[in-house]
Amino acid sequence: MVETDRGLQELKKASPDDAIYKNAGSVLIKAKKEDVLKELEEKKELSNTRIMVLGKQETRVKENLKEVENKINEMIRGMQTGGSSSAGSTGGAGPRSLG
C-alpha cells in the first residue's frame, strides 16, 4: 500500500513529457502516465477494499472465538462444581428402572 502511494506521488510530480516505465514481470516497459496513474489508483482502491473486508472478517473471528471461549469456561465451571451445566447435560437420558 505504501509503495502504491509513493508511486502515485512520484507520478503526479512527473511532467507529461517524462518517460514513464512500469514493471511487466522482471522487465520494465514504457507506458503512458495516465494509464499508469489509473492502474495505481485501481490497485490502491482494491487494496483498501481488501483491508476493509479483512478487518470485518477479523472482527467476526474474534467474536466467534470469544463465544467459544465463554462456552468452554461455562463447561469447565460446571465440571468443577460437580453439577451438570446445560452444555454438559444429557437431558435425563441416563439409565432408568422399568419396574
Protein backbone atom coordinates (compact mmCIF):
# COMPACT_ATOMS: atom_id res chain seq x y z
CA MET A 1 0.00 0.00 0.00
CA VAL A 2 2.84 2.37 0.90
CA GLU A 3 4.59 1.59 -2.38
CA THR A 4 1.44 2.38 -4.33
CA ASP A 5 1.06 5.71 -2.54
CA ARG A 6 4.69 6.60 -3.21
CA GLY A 7 4.33 5.64 -6.85
CA LEU A 8 1.24 7.83 -7.19
CA GLN A 9 3.03 10.77 -5.58
CA GLU A 10 6.01 10.46 -7.90
CA LEU A 11 3.82 10.06 -10.98
CA LYS A 12 1.87 13.18 -10.11
CA LYS A 13 5.16 15.09 -9.89
CA ALA A 14 6.22 13.92 -13.36
CA SER A 15 5.55 16.12 -16.36
CA PRO A 16 3.62 14.74 -19.34
CA ASP A 17 6.87 14.66 -21.35
CA ASP A 18 8.75 12.49 -18.83
CA ALA A 19 9.31 8.87 -19.78
CA ILE A 20 7.29 6.54 -17.53
CA TYR A 21 8.09 2.86 -17.14
CA LYS A 22 6.23 0.10 -15.34
CA ASN A 23 7.01 -3.46 -14.30
CA ALA A 24 5.98 -6.29 -16.57
CA GLY A 25 7.37 -9.23 -14.68
CA SER A 26 11.12 -8.73 -14.46
CA VAL A 27 11.15 -6.24 -17.36
CA LEU A 28 10.38 -2.51 -17.43
CA ILE A 29 8.23 -1.27 -20.30
CA LYS A 30 7.44 2.27 -21.37
CA ALA A 31 3.87 3.32 -20.58
CA LYS A 32 1.62 6.37 -20.69
CA LYS A 33 1.46 8.38 -17.49
CA GLU A 34 -2.36 8.40 -17.49
CA ASP A 35 -2.53 4.62 -17.87
CA VAL A 36 -0.09 4.01 -15.01
CA LEU A 37 -1.90 6.54 -12.79
CA LYS A 38 -5.21 4.82 -13.48
CA GLU A 39 -3.67 1.42 -12.79
CA LEU A 40 -2.18 2.53 -9.47
CA GLU A 41 -5.42 4.22 -8.38
CA GLU A 42 -7.31 0.97 -9.08
CA LYS A 43 -4.68 -1.01 -7.21
CA LYS A 44 -4.98 1.34 -4.24
CA GLU A 45 -8.78 1.09 -4.25
CA LEU A 46 -8.62 -2.71 -4.40
CA SER A 47 -6.13 -2.76 -1.51
CA ASN A 48 -8.39 -0.53 0.58
CA THR A 49 -11.35 -2.82 -0.12
CA ARG A 50 -9.32 -5.88 0.87
CA ILE A 51 -8.21 -4.18 4.08
CA MET A 52 -11.81 -3.36 4.94
CA VAL A 53 -13.02 -6.91 4.21
CA LEU A 54 -10.18 -8.47 6.20
CA GLY A 55 -10.92 -6.12 9.10
CA LYS A 56 -14.55 -7.24 9.17
CA GLN A 57 -13.51 -10.90 8.96
CA GLU A 58 -11.07 -10.39 11.82
CA THR A 59 -13.83 -8.85 13.94
CA ARG A 60 -16.18 -11.78 13.23
CA VAL A 61 -13.48 -14.34 14.04
CA LYS A 62 -12.68 -12.59 17.31
CA GLU A 63 -16.39 -12.53 18.26
CA ASN A 64 -16.77 -16.23 17.45
CA LEU A 65 -13.63 -17.05 19.42
CA LYS A 66 -14.96 -15.14 22.41
CA GLU A 67 -18.27 -17.06 22.24
CA VAL A 68 -16.47 -20.40 22.11
CA GLU A 69 -14.20 -19.35 24.97
CA ASN A 70 -17.24 -18.43 27.08
CA LYS A 71 -18.89 -21.79 26.36
CA ILE A 72 -15.71 -23.66 27.30
CA ASN A 73 -15.43 -21.65 30.52
CA GLU A 74 -19.07 -22.47 31.36
CA MET A 75 -18.40 -26.18 30.82
CA ILE A 76 -15.28 -26.05 32.99
CA ARG A 77 -17.15 -24.26 35.78
CA GLY A 78 -19.91 -26.86 35.58
CA MET A 79 -17.41 -29.71 35.88
CA GLN A 80 -15.58 -28.07 38.80
CA THR A 81 -18.76 -27.59 40.83
CA GLY A 82 -19.72 -31.22 40.29
CA GLY A 83 -23.05 -30.26 38.80
CA SER A 84 -24.02 -30.59 35.21
CA SER A 85 -24.25 -27.44 33.18
CA SER A 86 -26.68 -27.06 30.32
CA ALA A 87 -23.80 -27.63 27.89
CA GLY A 88 -22.78 -30.92 29.54
CA SER A 89 -26.22 -32.24 30.46
CA THR A 90 -27.54 -35.41 28.84
CA GLY A 91 -31.12 -34.30 29.26
CA GLY A 92 -32.06 -37.07 31.70
CA ALA A 93 -31.45 -39.84 29.19
CA GLY A 94 -29.49 -41.94 31.70
CA PRO A 95 -30.44 -45.47 32.92
CA ARG A 96 -33.93 -45.92 34.44
CA SER A 97 -35.69 -48.64 36.29
CA LEU A 98 -38.67 -50.06 34.43
CA GLY A 99 -40.24 -51.98 37.21
